[in-house]
Amino acid sequence: RIMKAQALSDDSKMGYMRGRKTLEINPRHPLVRALREKAEEDPESPETKELAVVMFETAMLESGFSFDTPKDFAGRLFSLVTKTMGVDADAPVLTDEEIDASIPEKKEPEPDPEPE
């Protein structure tokens, strides 16, 4: 990141400065096993491909790498969260008035009766 930010930095000249990157996949990890099963069930599934890409990108982030296009990663992540939560991707965003109307009125607590 520092090299990218330096003045006169040029991506074409940075190639020799980057170390070789190695991605290690643990085939015993439950997520990797589940992904393999999904891929075997339906090799052309777009959802499975999206999961694989998000897992790869998450591993990159965890290892300290950054993306050239973080917006793409965020879009894939939001897509996964939307599907997991069962929210329609095309659901409209509510207005302030609709939000206010959906909140039940807060009732004032009734005073305790006076002891006799």
Protein backbone atom coordinates (compact mmCIF):
# COMPACT_ATOMS: atom_id res chain seq x y z
CA ARG A 1 0.00 0.00 0.00
CA ILE A 2 2.84 2.35 0.80
CA MET A 3 4.46 1.74 -2.57
CA LYS A 4 1.16 2.46 -4.35
CA ALA A 5 0.80 5.74 -2.49
CA GLN A 6 4.32 7.00 -3.17
CA ALA A 7 4.86 9.71 -5.72
CA LEU A 8 5.83 8.50 -9.20
CA SER A 9 4.63 5.02 -8.31
CA ASP A 10 3.78 2.97 -11.34
CA ASP A 11 2.00 -0.39 -11.17
CA SER A 12 3.99 -1.75 -14.12
CA LYS A 13 7.24 -1.12 -12.24
CA MET A 14 5.94 -2.58 -8.99
CA GLY A 15 5.70 -6.15 -10.28
CA TYR A 16 9.28 -6.97 -9.42
CA MET A 17 8.80 -5.61 -5.89
CA ARG A 18 5.85 -7.85 -5.07
CA GLY A 19 6.53 -11.18 -3.47
CA ARG A 20 5.08 -14.36 -4.82
CA LYS A 21 1.65 -15.00 -3.33
CA THR A 22 0.59 -18.47 -2.25
CA LEU A 23 -2.95 -19.50 -1.45
CA GLU A 24 -3.14 -22.54 0.77
CA ILE A 25 -6.43 -24.40 0.88
CA ASN A 26 -7.15 -26.64 3.83
CA PRO A 27 -9.30 -29.48 2.42
CA ARG A 28 -10.23 -30.55 5.97
CA HIS A 29 -11.86 -27.21 6.84
CA PRO A 30 -15.67 -27.53 7.08
CA LEU A 31 -16.27 -24.53 4.78
CA VAL A 32 -13.98 -25.93 2.09
CA ARG A 33 -15.62 -29.35 2.35
CA ALA A 34 -19.10 -27.80 2.11
CA LEU A 35 -18.06 -25.72 -0.91
CA ARG A 36 -16.67 -28.83 -2.62
CA GLU A 37 -19.95 -30.68 -2.01
CA LYS A 38 -21.95 -27.78 -3.46
CA ALA A 39 -19.68 -27.67 -6.51
CA GLU A 40 -20.05 -31.42 -7.06
CA GLU A 41 -23.86 -31.16 -6.80
CA ASP A 42 -24.11 -28.35 -9.36
CA PRO A 43 -20.83 -27.37 -11.05
CA GLU A 44 -22.46 -24.49 -12.96
CA SER A 45 -24.23 -22.92 -9.96
CA PRO A 46 -23.69 -19.14 -9.88
CA GLU A 47 -24.28 -19.16 -6.11
CA THR A 48 -21.47 -21.67 -5.58
CA LYS A 49 -19.12 -19.63 -7.76
CA GLU A 50 -20.03 -16.50 -5.79
CA LEU A 51 -19.34 -18.31 -2.50
CA ALA A 52 -15.94 -19.44 -3.77
CA VAL A 53 -15.00 -15.91 -4.83
CA VAL A 54 -16.13 -14.41 -1.50
CA MET A 55 -14.17 -17.07 0.41
CA PHE A 56 -11.07 -16.29 -1.68
CA GLU A 57 -11.44 -12.54 -1.24
CA THR A 58 -12.02 -12.92 2.50
CA ALA A 59 -8.82 -14.97 2.76
CA MET A 60 -7.00 -12.20 0.89
CA LEU A 61 -8.31 -9.56 3.30
CA GLU A 62 -7.41 -11.69 6.29
CA SER A 63 -3.86 -12.00 4.93
CA GLY A 64 -3.48 -8.23 4.63
CA PHE A 65 -4.03 -7.80 0.89
CA SER A 66 -6.35 -5.18 -0.56
CA PHE A 67 -8.59 -5.11 -3.63
CA ASP A 68 -8.41 -2.88 -6.64
CA THR A 69 -12.22 -2.90 -6.67
CA PRO A 70 -13.56 -3.19 -3.11
CA LYS A 71 -17.02 -2.22 -4.36
CA ASP A 72 -17.26 -5.57 -6.21
CA PHE A 73 -16.40 -7.47 -3.02
CA ALA A 74 -18.97 -5.47 -1.04
CA GLY A 75 -21.60 -6.21 -3.69
CA ARG A 76 -20.93 -9.95 -3.51
CA LEU A 77 -20.98 -9.86 0.28
CA PHE A 78 -24.29 -7.95 0.37
CA SER A 79 -25.73 -10.43 -2.13
CA LEU A 80 -24.79 -13.33 0.16
CA VAL A 81 -26.21 -11.60 3.23
CA THR A 82 -29.43 -10.79 1.36
CA LYS A 83 -29.89 -14.42 0.30
CA THR A 84 -29.01 -15.76 3.75
CA MET A 85 -31.51 -13.47 5.45
CA GLY A 86 -34.23 -14.21 2.89
CA VAL A 87 -34.56 -10.59 1.79
CA ASP A 88 -35.71 -9.87 -1.76
CA ALA A 89 -32.81 -8.18 -3.57
CA ASP A 90 -35.32 -5.87 -5.30
CA ALA A 91 -37.22 -4.93 -2.14
CA PRO A 92 -37.86 -1.18 -1.96
CA VAL A 93 -36.19 0.99 0.63
CA LEU A 94 -38.77 2.36 3.04
CA THR A 95 -39.33 6.09 3.43
CA ASP A 96 -39.11 7.81 6.81
CA GLU A 97 -42.90 8.02 6.92
CA GLU A 98 -43.25 4.27 6.30
CA ILE A 99 -40.72 3.53 9.04
CA ASP A 100 -42.52 5.86 11.49
CA ALA A 101 -45.87 4.23 10.66
CA SER A 102 -44.46 0.75 11.32
CA ILE A 103 -43.26 1.61 14.84
CA PRO A 104 -45.95 0.97 17.45
CA GLU A 105 -46.92 3.91 19.62
CA LYS A 106 -45.17 3.89 22.96
CA LYS A 107 -47.71 3.85 25.75
CA GLU A 108 -47.12 5.76 28.93
CA PRO A 109 -46.97 3.44 31.93
CA GLU A 110 -50.05 3.62 34.11
CA PRO A 111 -49.41 5.10 37.55
CA ASP A 112 -49.43 2.70 40.45
CA PRO A 113 -52.66 2.83 42.46
CA GLU A 114 -52.45 4.78 45.67
CA PRO A 115 -52.29 2.56 48.72
CA GLU A 116 -55.40 2.71 50.86
